[in-house]
Amino acid sequence: RRITKHIIMSAATPSTASKPLKLTSTSQTLPHGHLDYVLDMAFDYYGRRFATASGDRSVRVWDLNADGLWTSSSLGSNGGGGNSNNNTNEWQAHRGPVHSVSWAHPEFGQLLATAGADHAVVIWEEREGGFKTLATPERSADGFLDTNAGNTANTSAGGTGEGASSRWVNKATLSDARRAVTTVEFAPRHLGLRLASGSADGVVRIYEALDTMNLNHWKLEAEVEDNDDYSNEMGGQRISMAGAVDNVSSNENLGVSSLSWCTGRFEPATLVVGLSSGRVSIYRYDDGQRSWLETIRLPGHATANGIPRGVTDVAWAPNVGRSYHLIATCGKDNMLKVHRVKRSRGSKGDAAEGSGSQPSLVYEGTEILDQSQAWRCQWNVTGTVLASSGDGGMVKLWKSDFQGRWKCVSEIVGDTTGVAAATAFNNQ
């Protein structure tokens, strides 16, 4: 139950540009302090802070200090206790396990969105003021964090006032989901202050802040519900705005397991969604019809005999000057895939439906990178290197060569002592 953070440094000189990329890494093992497993973590825009979400209902924020070490104020500068001057802390975020966490663009302030098993998405804002350290937190009778202050932790650090500099405030609770919310992600900056959440009821909900200066009010802009009746090229899916759902006839309980926004500035709002059924779909907002449409259904993740296994993660690569998009997916079928879709103008068929005025996406192909267990995948900031991780305590880095063939360029092995101990304990 420890987090091992690897900071990767890479360099290539002109004389070795044609040789395999050599990567050096440094690592810091962090005792995360949660009472349960860490279910998700996310870096902020600048990569100098990250937040962890845990099954013990709590969220913890970490900072990168001047010495290049990750610290949390609730654990002290050395990760082991005591007070710290960092603007970070731990607090109870939900009434159940916290499944996902996401940072907003810093233009909108220090904002976090968390998704929990209590059917809610909560928006948190960091404010100036004190907070209560949880180095030795008070626990309720059931063993979880006791937040007597309600939605904020706002007493002075350690009771002395030293290091009291910030607190996280609950600005809004979005409780439209009918089942547990499994994933949440803020939209790219150019789309405004929006977020998308996916839940176990098979619905992706898109919210928008009515006023970026008043984060208490969020509008449910759209609901995109799973529809497995793939009758035509557009998937037979048309989801209207303001929460109205059209032409949906799903008879299966297919939860949303992951989602990712397209970050291209010249693209309309676009999402890739992974489902527990193993399906991977791309949804795009159509200005002409004022609705979200399923534009492409990518090769999913299922076993050879057709039994659905589920998608564990999806990641849309940042696009820096490419004429095509890359989307990475991994699933319980032990496959890591990279899908390629190309940006093109709308066809005549699209124009007949009123969407010929905006670019469309065309599926080009899929490459299987790995056939070992992968639970998470993530791109670097330029969309040129893909990282994947699984239960083996190893992070693999993948890079495409000049011929478009993907190869594993580095393998980073973390400290799996705690994992092995936990596995042995569970097997007793």
Foldseek 3Di string as FASTA:
>chain_A
DKDKDKDKDWDDDPVCPVPFTDIDIDIDIAPPPDPADFQEKDAAPVRQKMKTFGQLQKIWIWGQDPVRDIDGQLCDPVNHHDGDLDLIAMDRADPGGWQEKEFDHCVLATWMWIFWQVQKIWIKHKDFAFFERVNPADADPVGGGDDPVPQKGHAHYPNPNPSGTIIIGTQEIGRPGPGGWNYKYFEAPLVAGKMWTWWQQQKIWIWHQPDSVRRNDIAGFWIFGDAPCQPDQQRQAWTATRHRGPRHDDPDRKTWNEKEWANDNQFATKMWTWIQQFKIWIWGQAPQRRTIITRHTDHGADDPVNRGGTWQYKYWFHADPDQKTWMWTFTPQQWIKIWIKGKAADDPVCVVVVRRVGIGIHTDDMDTAGRHAWRYKYADNHRAWIWTDGLQQKIWIWGADPVRDIDTSDIDHDDCPVVVVVVVVVVD
